[in-house]
Amino acid sequence: MELAVCLPILMIIALGSIEATNAIFLKQHLTSAAYEGARAAIAPGQTSAGATTAAQNVLTAFGISGGSISITPALTATTATGTQVTVTVSAPLASNSWTSAFIVGKTITTVSATAIMDHQ
């Protein structure tokens, strides 16, 4: 009787822990992608396309699907030194989770990370 009552609760806790860990893992990968995109974006003469490519390469290396990259402001070869560049990378949790994301995925649908650096 005790097993019948406790087993469903323990399974929900275990699966919820796995989903939360997947969300943290995804957040760390997105942080790495945003950082690499920002590092590429602040280089002299760099454009938004180069920064997007750098961030996308990290997402591809980590196997993250459905990721989106946003760079603000749009960079050109003549972007002024000292301009703050913000790179935001986001991805859906459900398509990047080992489980079906039925516990944590109901409240956290998209995970994102941002890096801000000054253009050189």
PDB file of N, CA and C in Angstrom:
ATOM      1  N   MET A   1       0.816  -1.191   0.000  1.00  0.00           N
ATOM      2  CA  MET A   1       0.000   0.000   0.000  1.00  0.00           C
ATOM      3  C   MET A   1       0.866   1.264   0.000  1.00  0.00           C
ATOM      4  N   GLU A   2       1.910   1.245   0.823  1.00  0.00           N
ATOM      5  CA  GLU A   2       2.778   2.413   0.890  1.00  0.00           C
ATOM      6  C   GLU A   2       3.468   2.670  -0.448  1.00  0.00           C
ATOM      7  N   LEU A   3       3.875   1.596  -1.117  1.00  0.00           N
ATOM      8  CA  LEU A   3       4.526   1.734  -2.425  1.00  0.00           C
ATOM      9  C   LEU A   3       3.571   2.342  -3.440  1.00  0.00           C
ATOM     10  N   ALA A   4       2.335   1.940  -3.430  1.00  0.00           N
ATOM     11  CA  ALA A   4       1.351   2.468  -4.371  1.00  0.00           C
ATOM     12  C   ALA A   4       1.115   3.962  -4.160  1.00  0.00           C
ATOM     13  N   VAL A   5       1.241   4.436  -2.949  1.00  0.00           N
ATOM     14  CA  VAL A   5       1.039   5.852  -2.655  1.00  0.00           C
ATOM     15  C   VAL A   5       2.303   6.653  -2.938  1.00  0.00           C
ATOM     16  N   CYS A   6       3.456   6.112  -2.552  1.00  0.00           N
ATOM     17  CA  CYS A   6       4.708   6.871  -2.635  1.00  0.00           C
ATOM     18  C   CYS A   6       5.372   6.829  -4.004  1.00  0.00           C
ATOM     19  N   LEU A   7       5.233   5.745  -4.745  1.00  0.00           N
ATOM     20  CA  LEU A   7       5.932   5.603  -6.022  1.00  0.00           C
ATOM     21  C   LEU A   7       5.584   6.701  -7.030  1.00  0.00           C
ATOM     22  N   PRO A   8       4.333   7.061  -7.242  1.00  0.00           N
ATOM     23  CA  PRO A   8       4.042   8.148  -8.191  1.00  0.00           C
ATOM     24  C   PRO A   8       4.660   9.479  -7.776  1.00  0.00           C
ATOM     25  N   ILE A   9       4.652   9.758  -6.488  1.00  0.00           N
ATOM     26  CA  ILE A   9       5.244  11.010  -6.002  1.00  0.00           C
ATOM     27  C   ILE A   9       6.747  11.000  -6.224  1.00  0.00           C
ATOM     28  N   LEU A  10       7.400   9.902  -5.927  1.00  0.00           N
ATOM     29  CA  LEU A  10       8.846   9.794  -6.131  1.00  0.00           C
ATOM     30  C   LEU A  10       9.211   9.884  -7.610  1.00  0.00           C
ATOM     31  N   MET A  11       8.406   9.318  -8.475  1.00  0.00           N
ATOM     32  CA  MET A  11       8.674   9.387  -9.921  1.00  0.00           C
ATOM     33  C   MET A  11       8.531  10.822 -10.436  1.00  0.00           C
ATOM     34  N   ILE A  12       7.539  11.530  -9.961  1.00  0.00           N
ATOM     35  CA  ILE A  12       7.358  12.931 -10.362  1.00  0.00           C
ATOM     36  C   ILE A  12       8.539  13.775  -9.896  1.00  0.00           C
ATOM     37  N   ILE A  13       9.001  13.538  -8.675  1.00  0.00           N
ATOM     38  CA  ILE A  13      10.169  14.280  -8.169  1.00  0.00           C
ATOM     39  C   ILE A  13      11.404  13.939  -8.987  1.00  0.00           C
ATOM     40  N   ALA A  14      11.609  12.667  -9.294  1.00  0.00           N
ATOM     41  CA  ALA A  14      12.788  12.255 -10.065  1.00  0.00           C
ATOM     42  C   ALA A  14      12.757  12.830 -11.478  1.00  0.00           C
ATOM     43  N   LEU A  15      11.639  12.729 -12.156  1.00  0.00           N
ATOM     44  CA  LEU A  15      11.538  13.252 -13.523  1.00  0.00           C
ATOM     45  C   LEU A  15      11.606  14.777 -13.545  1.00  0.00           C
ATOM     46  N   GLY A  16      11.029  15.420 -12.545  1.00  0.00           N
ATOM     47  CA  GLY A  16      11.129  16.880 -12.444  1.00  0.00           C
ATOM     48  C   GLY A  16      12.566  17.325 -12.235  1.00  0.00           C
ATOM     49  N   SER A  17      13.314  16.572 -11.459  1.00  0.00           N
ATOM     50  CA  SER A  17      14.728  16.888 -11.243  1.00  0.00           C
ATOM     51  C   SER A  17      15.528  16.745 -12.527  1.00  0.00           C
ATOM     52  N   ILE A  18      15.232  15.711 -13.292  1.00  0.00           N
ATOM     53  CA  ILE A  18      15.920  15.515 -14.582  1.00  0.00           C
ATOM     54  C   ILE A  18      15.601  16.670 -15.528  1.00  0.00           C
ATOM     55  N   GLU A  19      14.345  17.076 -15.596  1.00  0.00           N
ATOM     56  CA  GLU A  19      13.961  18.189 -16.463  1.00  0.00           C
ATOM     57  C   GLU A  19      14.608  19.503 -16.025  1.00  0.00           C
ATOM     58  N   ALA A  20      14.652  19.757 -14.726  1.00  0.00           N
ATOM     59  CA  ALA A  20      15.281  20.978 -14.234  1.00  0.00           C
ATOM     60  C   ALA A  20      16.768  20.982 -14.554  1.00  0.00           C
ATOM     61  N   THR A  21      17.403  19.837 -14.432  1.00  0.00           N
ATOM     62  CA  THR A  21      18.818  19.725 -14.776  1.00  0.00           C
ATOM     63  C   THR A  21      19.031  19.975 -16.264  1.00  0.00           C
ATOM     64  N   ASN A  22      18.152  19.459 -17.099  1.00  0.00           N
ATOM     65  CA  ASN A  22      18.246  19.723 -18.544  1.00  0.00           C
ATOM     66  C   ASN A  22      18.104  21.209 -18.848  1.00  0.00           C
ATOM     67  N   ALA A  23      17.212  21.893 -18.147  1.00  0.00           N
ATOM     68  CA  ALA A  23      17.029  23.329 -18.354  1.00  0.00           C
ATOM     69  C   ALA A  23      18.285  24.102 -17.960  1.00  0.00           C
ATOM     70  N   ILE A  24      18.908  23.710 -16.851  1.00  0.00           N
ATOM     71  CA  ILE A  24      20.145  24.363 -16.418  1.00  0.00           C
ATOM     72  C   ILE A  24      21.261  24.094 -17.418  1.00  0.00           C
ATOM     73  N   PHE A  25      21.340  22.874 -17.906  1.00  0.00           N
ATOM     74  CA  PHE A  25      22.345  22.481 -18.893  1.00  0.00           C
ATOM     75  C   PHE A  25      22.169  23.293 -20.178  1.00  0.00           C
ATOM     76  N   LEU A  26      20.930  23.443 -20.635  1.00  0.00           N
ATOM     77  CA  LEU A  26      20.641  24.232 -21.825  1.00  0.00           C
ATOM     78  C   LEU A  26      21.005  25.699 -21.598  1.00  0.00           C
ATOM     79  N   LYS A  27      20.690  26.231 -20.436  1.00  0.00           N
ATOM     80  CA  LYS A  27      21.023  27.624 -20.112  1.00  0.00           C
ATOM     81  C   LYS A  27      22.531  27.848 -20.187  1.00  0.00           C
ATOM     82  N   GLN A  28      23.321  26.896 -19.693  1.00  0.00           N
ATOM     83  CA  GLN A  28      24.766  27.026 -19.734  1.00  0.00           C
ATOM     84  C   GLN A  28      25.286  27.024 -21.168  1.00  0.00           C
ATOM     85  N   HIS A  29      24.736  26.167 -22.012  1.00  0.00           N
ATOM     86  CA  HIS A  29      25.133  26.141 -23.421  1.00  0.00           C
ATOM     87  C   HIS A  29      24.758  27.442 -24.132  1.00  0.00           C
ATOM     88  N   LEU A  30      23.584  27.974 -23.830  1.00  0.00           N
ATOM     89  CA  LEU A  30      23.163  29.234 -24.443  1.00  0.00           C
ATOM     90  C   LEU A  30      24.036  30.389 -23.959  1.00  0.00           C
ATOM     91  N   THR A  31      24.459  30.351 -22.705  1.00  0.00           N
ATOM     92  CA  THR A  31      25.369  31.369 -22.182  1.00  0.00           C
ATOM     93  C   THR A  31      26.696  31.328 -22.926  1.00  0.00           C
ATOM     94  N   SER A  32      27.192  30.126 -23.192  1.00  0.00           N
ATOM     95  CA  SER A  32      28.439  29.980 -23.956  1.00  0.00           C
ATOM     96  C   SER A  32      28.281  30.530 -25.369  1.00  0.00           C
ATOM     97  N   ALA A  33      27.152  30.254 -25.995  1.00  0.00           N
ATOM     98  CA  ALA A  33      26.911  30.746 -27.354  1.00  0.00           C
ATOM     99  C   ALA A  33      26.799  32.270 -27.372  1.00  0.00           C
ATOM    100  N   ALA A  34      26.106  32.841 -26.389  1.00  0.00           N
ATOM    101  CA  ALA A  34      25.974  34.297 -26.324  1.00  0.00           C
ATOM    102  C   ALA A  34      27.337  34.947 -26.090  1.00  0.00           C
ATOM    103  N   TYR A  35      28.152  34.353 -25.242  1.00  0.00           N
ATOM    104  CA  TYR A  35      29.487  34.885 -24.968  1.00  0.00           C
ATOM    105  C   TYR A  35      30.349  34.856 -26.230  1.00  0.00           C
ATOM    106  N   GLU A  36      30.363  33.743 -26.918  1.00  0.00           N
ATOM    107  CA  GLU A  36      31.172  33.630 -28.138  1.00  0.00           C
ATOM    108  C   GLU A  36      30.666  34.580 -29.224  1.00  0.00           C
ATOM    109  N   GLY A  37      29.353  34.736 -29.326  1.00  0.00           N
ATOM    110  CA  GLY A  37      28.795  35.695 -30.279  1.00  0.00           C
ATOM    111  C   GLY A  37      29.190  37.117 -29.933  1.00  0.00           C
ATOM    112  N   ALA A  38      29.174  37.448 -28.644  1.00  0.00           N
ATOM    113  CA  ALA A  38      29.558  38.795 -28.211  1.00  0.00           C
ATOM    114  C   ALA A  38      31.049  39.032 -28.430  1.00  0.00           C
ATOM    115  N   ARG A  39      31.880  38.028 -28.160  1.00  0.00           N
ATOM    116  CA  ARG A  39      33.320  38.171 -28.394  1.00  0.00           C
ATOM    117  C   ARG A  39      33.603  38.428 -29.871  1.00  0.00           C
ATOM    118  N   ALA A  40      32.880  37.736 -30.747  1.00  0.00           N
ATOM    119  CA  ALA A  40      33.058  37.962 -32.182  1.00  0.00           C
ATOM    120  C   ALA A  40      32.522  39.336 -32.579  1.00  0.00           C
ATOM    121  N   ALA A  41      31.429  39.761 -31.941  1.00  0.00           N
ATOM    122  CA  ALA A  41      30.786  41.023 -32.314  1.00  0.00           C
ATOM    123  C   ALA A  41      31.618  42.250 -31.955  1.00  0.00           C
ATOM    124  N   ILE A  42      32.415  42.174 -30.902  1.00  0.00           N
ATOM    125  CA  ILE A  42      33.141  43.365 -30.473  1.00  0.00           C
ATOM    126  C   ILE A  42      34.460  43.576 -31.209  1.00  0.00           C
ATOM    127  N   ALA A  43      34.836  42.641 -32.061  1.00  0.00           N
ATOM    128  CA  ALA A  43      36.088  42.798 -32.804  1.00  0.00           C
ATOM    129  C   ALA A  43      35.970  43.962 -33.790  1.00  0.00           C
ATOM    130  N   PRO A  44      37.040  44.712 -33.964  1.00  0.00           N
ATOM    131  CA  PRO A  44      36.994  45.841 -34.901  1.00  0.00           C
ATOM    132  C   PRO A  44      36.654  45.374 -36.320  1.00  0.00           C
ATOM    133  N   GLY A  45      35.724  46.079 -36.949  1.00  0.00           N
ATOM    134  CA  GLY A  45      35.332  45.772 -38.318  1.00  0.00           C
ATOM    135  C   GLY A  45      34.354  44.614 -38.459  1.00  0.00           C
ATOM    136  N   GLN A  46      33.938  44.014 -37.361  1.00  0.00           N
ATOM    137  CA  GLN A  46      33.024  42.871 -37.413  1.00  0.00           C
ATOM    138  C   GLN A  46      31.592  43.333 -37.684  1.00  0.00           C
ATOM    139  N   THR A  47      30.816  42.484 -38.342  1.00  0.00           N
ATOM    140  CA  THR A  47      29.410  42.783 -38.619  1.00  0.00           C
ATOM    141  C   THR A  47      28.524  41.812 -37.835  1.00  0.00           C
ATOM    142  N   SER A  48      27.227  42.066 -37.873  1.00  0.00           N
ATOM    143  CA  SER A  48      26.274  41.199 -37.182  1.00  0.00           C
ATOM    144  C   SER A  48      26.309  39.778 -37.730  1.00  0.00           C
ATOM    145  N   ALA A  49      26.560  39.638 -39.028  1.00  0.00           N
ATOM    146  CA  ALA A  49      26.587  38.311 -39.641  1.00  0.00           C
ATOM    147  C   ALA A  49      27.705  37.455 -39.057  1.00  0.00           C
ATOM    148  N   GLY A  50      28.870  38.040 -38.846  1.00  0.00           N
ATOM    149  CA  GLY A  50      29.984  37.292 -38.269  1.00  0.00           C
ATOM    150  C   GLY A  50      29.707  36.864 -36.841  1.00  0.00           C
ATOM    151  N   ALA A  51      29.087  37.738 -36.075  1.00  0.00           N
ATOM    152  CA  ALA A  51      28.747  37.409 -34.690  1.00  0.00           C
ATOM    153  C   ALA A  51      27.677  36.323 -34.630  1.00  0.00           C
ATOM    154  N   THR A  52      26.699  36.407 -35.525  1.00  0.00           N
ATOM    155  CA  THR A  52      25.655  35.387 -35.585  1.00  0.00           C
ATOM    156  C   THR A  52      26.252  34.034 -35.946  1.00  0.00           C
ATOM    157  N   THR A  53      27.185  34.023 -36.877  1.00  0.00           N
ATOM    158  CA  THR A  53      27.843  32.779 -37.280  1.00  0.00           C
ATOM    159  C   THR A  53      28.607  32.167 -36.108  1.00  0.00           C
ATOM    160  N   ALA A  54      29.306  32.993 -35.338  1.00  0.00           N
ATOM    161  CA  ALA A  54      30.063  32.492 -34.186  1.00  0.00           C
ATOM    162  C   ALA A  54      29.132  31.857 -33.151  1.00  0.00           C
ATOM    163  N   ALA A  55      28.021  32.515 -32.864  1.00  0.00           N
ATOM    164  CA  ALA A  55      27.069  31.966 -31.895  1.00  0.00           C
ATOM    165  C   ALA A  55      26.401  30.706 -32.441  1.00  0.00           C
ATOM    166  N   GLN A  56      26.075  30.709 -33.715  1.00  0.00           N
ATOM    167  CA  GLN A  56      25.437  29.535 -34.332  1.00  0.00           C
ATOM    168  C   GLN A  56      26.369  28.336 -34.333  1.00  0.00           C
ATOM    169  N   ASN A  57      27.667  28.563 -34.509  1.00  0.00           N
ATOM    170  CA  ASN A  57      28.636  27.472 -34.475  1.00  0.00           C
ATOM    171  C   ASN A  57      28.651  26.792 -33.104  1.00  0.00           C
ATOM    172  N   VAL A  58      28.514  27.579 -32.044  1.00  0.00           N
ATOM    173  CA  VAL A  58      28.472  27.007 -30.691  1.00  0.00           C
ATOM    174  C   VAL A  58      27.186  26.207 -30.507  1.00  0.00           C
ATOM    175  N   LEU A  59      26.055  26.752 -30.968  1.00  0.00           N
ATOM    176  CA  LEU A  59      24.790  26.020 -30.859  1.00  0.00           C
ATOM    177  C   LEU A  59      24.864  24.690 -31.607  1.00  0.00           C
ATOM    178  N   THR A  60      25.457  24.710 -32.778  1.00  0.00           N
ATOM    179  CA  THR A  60      25.594  23.485 -33.570  1.00  0.00           C
ATOM    180  C   THR A  60      26.509  22.488 -32.867  1.00  0.00           C
ATOM    181  N   ALA A  61      27.609  22.967 -32.300  1.00  0.00           N
ATOM    182  CA  ALA A  61      28.545  22.088 -31.606  1.00  0.00           C
ATOM    183  C   ALA A  61      27.895  21.399 -30.405  1.00  0.00           C
ATOM    184  N   PHE A  62      26.994  22.094 -29.724  1.00  0.00           N
ATOM    185  CA  PHE A  62      26.310  21.515 -28.568  1.00  0.00           C
ATOM    186  C   PHE A  62      25.034  20.762 -28.955  1.00  0.00           C
ATOM    187  N   GLY A  63      24.667  20.781 -30.230  1.00  0.00           N
ATOM    188  CA  GLY A  63      23.493  20.051 -30.691  1.00  0.00           C
ATOM    189  C   GLY A  63      22.180  20.681 -30.282  1.00  0.00           C
ATOM    190  N   ILE A  64      22.147  21.994 -30.168  1.00  0.00           N
ATOM    191  CA  ILE A  64      20.929  22.698 -29.768  1.00  0.00           C
ATOM    192  C   ILE A  64      20.118  23.029 -31.012  1.00  0.00           C
ATOM    193  N   SER A  65      18.846  22.649 -30.992  1.00  0.00           N
ATOM    194  CA  SER A  65      17.982  22.894 -32.144  1.00  0.00           C
ATOM    195  C   SER A  65      16.988  24.002 -31.851  1.00  0.00           C
ATOM    196  N   GLY A  66      16.608  24.716 -32.884  1.00  0.00           N
ATOM    197  CA  GLY A  66      15.600  25.767 -32.764  1.00  0.00           C
ATOM    198  C   GLY A  66      16.093  27.031 -32.091  1.00  0.00           C
ATOM    199  N   GLY A  67      17.401  27.217 -32.027  1.00  0.00           N
ATOM    200  CA  GLY A  67      17.953  28.398 -31.371  1.00  0.00           C
ATOM    201  C   GLY A  67      17.794  29.651 -32.211  1.00  0.00           C
ATOM    202  N   SER A  68      17.618  30.783 -31.541  1.00  0.00           N
ATOM    203  CA  SER A  68      17.550  32.069 -32.234  1.00  0.00           C
ATOM    204  C   SER A  68      18.567  33.016 -31.610  1.00  0.00           C
ATOM    205  N   ILE A  69      19.167  33.850 -32.459  1.00  0.00           N
ATOM    206  CA  ILE A  69      20.225  34.754 -32.031  1.00  0.00           C
ATOM    207  C   ILE A  69      19.811  36.174 -32.377  1.00  0.00           C
ATOM    208  N   SER A  70      19.922  37.074 -31.406  1.00  0.00           N
ATOM    209  CA  SER A  70      19.571  38.477 -31.606  1.00  0.00           C
ATOM    210  C   SER A  70      20.763  39.339 -31.209  1.00  0.00           C
ATOM    211  N   ILE A  71      21.142  40.267 -32.086  1.00  0.00           N
ATOM    212  CA  ILE A  71      22.258  41.171 -31.812  1.00  0.00           C
ATOM    213  C   ILE A  71      21.747  42.603 -31.887  1.00  0.00           C
ATOM    214  N   THR A  72      21.978  43.351 -30.805  1.00  0.00           N
ATOM    215  CA  THR A  72      21.519  44.728 -30.720  1.00  0.00           C
ATOM    216  C   THR A  72      22.675  45.610 -30.286  1.00  0.00           C
ATOM    217  N   PRO A  73      22.935  46.696 -30.909  1.00  0.00           N
ATOM    218  CA  PRO A  73      22.398  47.193 -32.177  1.00  0.00           C
ATOM    219  C   PRO A  73      22.995  46.425 -33.341  1.00  0.00           C
ATOM    220  N   ALA A  74      22.427  46.608 -34.515  1.00  0.00           N
ATOM    221  CA  ALA A  74      22.969  45.959 -35.706  1.00  0.00           C
ATOM    222  C   ALA A  74      24.379  46.498 -35.957  1.00  0.00           C
ATOM    223  N   LEU A  75      25.306  45.601 -36.190  1.00  0.00           N
ATOM    224  CA  LEU A  75      26.705  45.994 -36.352  1.00  0.00           C
ATOM    225  C   LEU A  75      27.065  46.167 -37.821  1.00  0.00           C
ATOM    226  N   THR A  76      27.878  47.167 -38.073  1.00  0.00           N
ATOM    227  CA  THR A  76      28.457  47.370 -39.397  1.00  0.00           C
ATOM    228  C   THR A  76      29.967  47.488 -39.215  1.00  0.00           C
ATOM    229  N   ALA A  77      30.682  47.568 -40.303  1.00  0.00           N
ATOM    230  CA  ALA A  77      32.139  47.690 -40.224  1.00  0.00           C
ATOM    231  C   ALA A  77      32.560  49.018 -39.592  1.00  0.00           C
ATOM    232  N   THR A  78      31.634  49.971 -39.527  1.00  0.00           N
ATOM    233  CA  THR A  78      31.965  51.294 -38.986  1.00  0.00           C
ATOM    234  C   THR A  78      31.308  51.566 -37.630  1.00  0.00           C
ATOM    235  N   THR A  79      30.897  50.535 -36.911  1.00  0.00           N
ATOM    236  CA  THR A  79      30.287  50.731 -35.594  1.00  0.00           C
ATOM    237  C   THR A  79      31.292  51.405 -34.671  1.00  0.00           C
ATOM    238  N   ALA A  80      30.847  52.419 -33.949  1.00  0.00           N
ATOM    239  CA  ALA A  80      31.731  53.222 -33.103  1.00  0.00           C
ATOM    240  C   ALA A  80      32.294  52.412 -31.939  1.00  0.00           C
ATOM    241  N   THR A  81      33.542  52.712 -31.598  1.00  0.00           N
ATOM    242  CA  THR A  81      34.180  52.085 -30.442  1.00  0.00           C
ATOM    243  C   THR A  81      33.440  52.491 -29.175  1.00  0.00           C
ATOM    244  N   GLY A  82      33.255  51.541 -28.262  1.00  0.00           N
ATOM    245  CA  GLY A  82      32.564  51.814 -27.009  1.00  0.00           C
ATOM    246  C   GLY A  82      31.071  51.539 -27.050  1.00  0.00           C
ATOM    247  N   THR A  83      30.520  51.245 -28.217  1.00  0.00           N
ATOM    248  CA  THR A  83      29.099  50.918 -28.331  1.00  0.00           C
ATOM    249  C   THR A  83      28.835  49.594 -27.629  1.00  0.00           C
ATOM    250  N   GLN A  84      27.834  49.567 -26.759  1.00  0.00           N
ATOM    251  CA  GLN A  84      27.496  48.321 -26.084  1.00  0.00           C
ATOM    252  C   GLN A  84      26.759  47.396 -27.050  1.00  0.00           C
ATOM    253  N   VAL A  85      27.270  46.182 -27.165  1.00  0.00           N
ATOM    254  CA  VAL A  85      26.683  45.174 -28.042  1.00  0.00           C
ATOM    255  C   VAL A  85      26.039  44.108 -27.160  1.00  0.00           C
ATOM    256  N   THR A  86      24.771  43.841 -27.409  1.00  0.00           N
ATOM    257  CA  THR A  86      24.028  42.828 -26.649  1.00  0.00           C
ATOM    258  C   THR A  86      23.713  41.658 -27.565  1.00  0.00           C
ATOM    259  N   VAL A  87      24.131  40.473 -27.159  1.00  0.00           N
ATOM    260  CA  VAL A  87      23.839  39.248 -27.902  1.00  0.00           C
ATOM    261  C   VAL A  87      22.945  38.384 -27.028  1.00  0.00           C
ATOM    262  N   THR A  88      21.759  38.062 -27.539  1.00  0.00           N
ATOM    263  CA  THR A  88      20.805  37.215 -26.821  1.00  0.00           C
ATOM    264  C   THR A  88      20.569  35.954 -27.634  1.00  0.00           C
ATOM    265  N   VAL A  89      20.718  34.829 -26.984  1.00  0.00           N
ATOM    266  CA  VAL A  89      20.505  33.533 -27.628  1.00  0.00           C
ATOM    267  C   VAL A  89      19.405  32.815 -26.854  1.00  0.00           C
ATOM    268  N   SER A  90      18.418  32.282 -27.562  1.00  0.00           N
ATOM    269  CA  SER A  90      17.334  31.558 -26.903  1.00  0.00           C
ATOM    270  C   SER A  90      17.014  30.291 -27.680  1.00  0.00           C
ATOM    271  N   ALA A  91      16.420  29.323 -26.965  1.00  0.00           N
ATOM    272  CA  ALA A  91      16.046  28.050 -27.582  1.00  0.00           C
ATOM    273  C   ALA A  91      14.884  27.456 -26.787  1.00  0.00           C
ATOM    274  N   PRO A  92      14.019  26.702 -27.455  1.00  0.00           N
ATOM    275  CA  PRO A  92      12.908  26.059 -26.753  1.00  0.00           C
ATOM    276  C   PRO A  92      13.397  24.887 -25.898  1.00  0.00           C
ATOM    277  N   LEU A  93      12.870  24.774 -24.701  1.00  0.00           N
ATOM    278  CA  LEU A  93      13.266  23.699 -23.799  1.00  0.00           C
ATOM    279  C   LEU A  93      12.777  22.340 -24.285  1.00  0.00           C
ATOM    280  N   ALA A  94      11.562  22.287 -24.795  1.00  0.00           N
ATOM    281  CA  ALA A  94      10.968  20.996 -25.164  1.00  0.00           C
ATOM    282  C   ALA A  94      11.765  20.262 -26.235  1.00  0.00           C
ATOM    283  N   SER A  95      12.269  20.984 -27.234  1.00  0.00           N
ATOM    284  CA  SER A  95      13.001  20.303 -28.311  1.00  0.00           C
ATOM    285  C   SER A  95      14.468  20.056 -27.974  1.00  0.00           C
ATOM    286  N   ASN A  96      14.927  20.537 -26.819  1.00  0.00           N
ATOM    287  CA  ASN A  96      16.313  20.347 -26.413  1.00  0.00           C
ATOM    288  C   ASN A  96      16.423  19.619 -25.075  1.00  0.00           C
ATOM    289  N   SER A  97      15.427  18.831 -24.757  1.00  0.00           N
ATOM    290  CA  SER A  97      15.399  18.104 -23.495  1.00  0.00           C
ATOM    291  C   SER A  97      15.390  16.606 -23.763  1.00  0.00           C
ATOM    292  N   TRP A  98      15.969  15.854 -22.854  1.00  0.00           N
ATOM    293  CA  TRP A  98      15.984  14.401 -23.007  1.00  0.00           C
ATOM    294  C   TRP A  98      14.616  13.806 -22.750  1.00  0.00           C
ATOM    295  N   THR A  99      13.852  14.442 -21.908  1.00  0.00           N
ATOM    296  CA  THR A  99      12.511  13.970 -21.607  1.00  0.00           C
ATOM    297  C   THR A  99      11.515  14.817 -22.394  1.00  0.00           C
ATOM    298  N   SER A 100      10.262  14.539 -22.231  1.00  0.00           N
ATOM    299  CA  SER A 100       9.251  15.271 -22.983  1.00  0.00           C
ATOM    300  C   SER A 100       8.916  16.628 -22.369  1.00  0.00           C
ATOM    301  N   ALA A 101       9.597  17.007 -21.302  1.00  0.00           N
ATOM    302  CA  ALA A 101       9.399  18.303 -20.630  1.00  0.00           C
ATOM    303  C   ALA A 101       7.940  18.505 -20.220  1.00  0.00           C
ATOM    304  N   PHE A 102       7.380  17.509 -19.532  1.00  0.00           N
ATOM    305  CA  PHE A 102       5.981  17.613 -19.139  1.00  0.00           C
ATOM    306  C   PHE A 102       5.788  18.184 -17.738  1.00  0.00           C
ATOM    307  N   ILE A 103       6.854  18.361 -16.975  1.00  0.00           N
ATOM    308  CA  ILE A 103       6.716  18.946 -15.636  1.00  0.00           C
ATOM    309  C   ILE A 103       7.237  20.376 -15.639  1.00  0.00           C
ATOM    310  N   VAL A 104       8.536  20.556 -15.843  1.00  0.00           N
ATOM    311  CA  VAL A 104       9.143  21.880 -15.861  1.00  0.00           C
ATOM    312  C   VAL A 104       8.802  22.605 -17.158  1.00  0.00           C
ATOM    313  N   GLY A 105       8.686  21.865 -18.258  1.00  0.00           N
ATOM    314  CA  GLY A 105       8.414  22.451 -19.571  1.00  0.00           C
ATOM    315  C   GLY A 105       7.081  23.174 -19.678  1.00  0.00           C
ATOM    316  N   LYS A 106       6.185  22.935 -18.751  1.00  0.00           N
ATOM    317  CA  LYS A 106       4.891  23.634 -18.762  1.00  0.00           C
ATOM    318  C   LYS A 106       5.044  25.080 -18.310  1.00  0.00           C
ATOM    319  N   THR A 107       6.023  25.346 -17.446  1.00  0.00           N
ATOM    320  CA  THR A 107       6.219  26.712 -16.958  1.00  0.00           C
ATOM    321  C   THR A 107       7.379  27.411 -17.650  1.00  0.00           C
ATOM    322  N   ILE A 108       8.383  26.656 -18.081  1.00  0.00           N
ATOM    323  CA  ILE A 108       9.539  27.225 -18.771  1.00  0.00           C
ATOM    324  C   ILE A 108       9.519  26.698 -20.206  1.00  0.00           C
ATOM    325  N   THR A 109       9.059  27.503 -21.133  1.00  0.00           N
ATOM    326  CA  THR A 109       8.989  27.036 -22.516  1.00  0.00           C
ATOM    327  C   THR A 109      10.232  27.397 -23.307  1.00  0.00           C
ATOM    328  N   THR A 110      10.826  28.549 -23.021  1.00  0.00           N
ATOM    329  CA  THR A 110      12.009  29.012 -23.740  1.00  0.00           C
ATOM    330  C   THR A 110      13.074  29.429 -22.730  1.00  0.00           C
ATOM    331  N   VAL A 111      14.302  29.006 -23.009  1.00  0.00           N
ATOM    332  CA  VAL A 111      15.435  29.374 -22.171  1.00  0.00           C
ATOM    333  C   VAL A 111      16.289  30.351 -22.975  1.00  0.00           C
ATOM    334  N   SER A 112      16.787  31.408 -22.335  1.00  0.00           N
ATOM    335  CA  SER A 112      17.612  32.372 -23.053  1.00  0.00           C
ATOM    336  C   SER A 112      18.779  32.836 -22.200  1.00  0.00           C
ATOM    337  N   ALA A 113      19.797  33.364 -22.869  1.00  0.00           N
ATOM    338  CA  ALA A 113      20.969  33.911 -22.196  1.00  0.00           C
ATOM    339  C   ALA A 113      21.428  35.139 -22.959  1.00  0.00           C
ATOM    340  N   THR A 114      22.016  36.089 -22.230  1.00  0.00           N
ATOM    341  CA  THR A 114      22.440  37.354 -22.831  1.00  0.00           C
ATOM    342  C   THR A 114      23.867  37.670 -22.405  1.00  0.00           C
ATOM    343  N   ALA A 115      24.629  38.219 -23.351  1.00  0.00           N
ATOM    344  CA  ALA A 115      25.978  38.723 -23.057  1.00  0.00           C
ATOM    345  C   ALA A 115      26.068  40.143 -23.583  1.00  0.00           C
ATOM    346  N   ILE A 116      26.648  41.034 -22.791  1.00  0.00           N
ATOM    347  CA  ILE A 116      26.798  42.443 -23.172  1.00  0.00           C
ATOM    348  C   ILE A 116      28.278  42.813 -23.087  1.00  0.00           C
ATOM    349  N   MET A 117      28.814  43.346 -24.176  1.00  0.00           N
ATOM    350  CA  MET A 117      30.215  43.769 -24.206  1.00  0.00           C
ATOM    351  C   MET A 117      30.330  45.068 -24.991  1.00  0.00           C
ATOM    352  N   ASP A 118      31.411  45.795 -24.752  1.00  0.00           N
ATOM    353  CA  ASP A 118      31.673  47.053 -25.449  1.00  0.00           C
ATOM    354  C   ASP A 118      32.462  46.790 -26.728  1.00  0.00           C
ATOM    355  N   HIS A 119      32.007  47.400 -27.827  1.00  0.00           N
ATOM    356  CA  HIS A 119      32.679  47.253 -29.125  1.00  0.00           C
ATOM    357  C   HIS A 119      34.050  47.886 -29.070  1.00  0.00           C
ATOM    358  N   GLN A 120      35.030  47.212 -29.652  1.00  0.00           N
ATOM    359  CA  GLN A 120      36.415  47.719 -29.641  1.00  0.00           C
ATOM    360  C   GLN A 120      36.742  48.495 -30.883  1.00  0.00           C
TER     361      GLN A 120
END
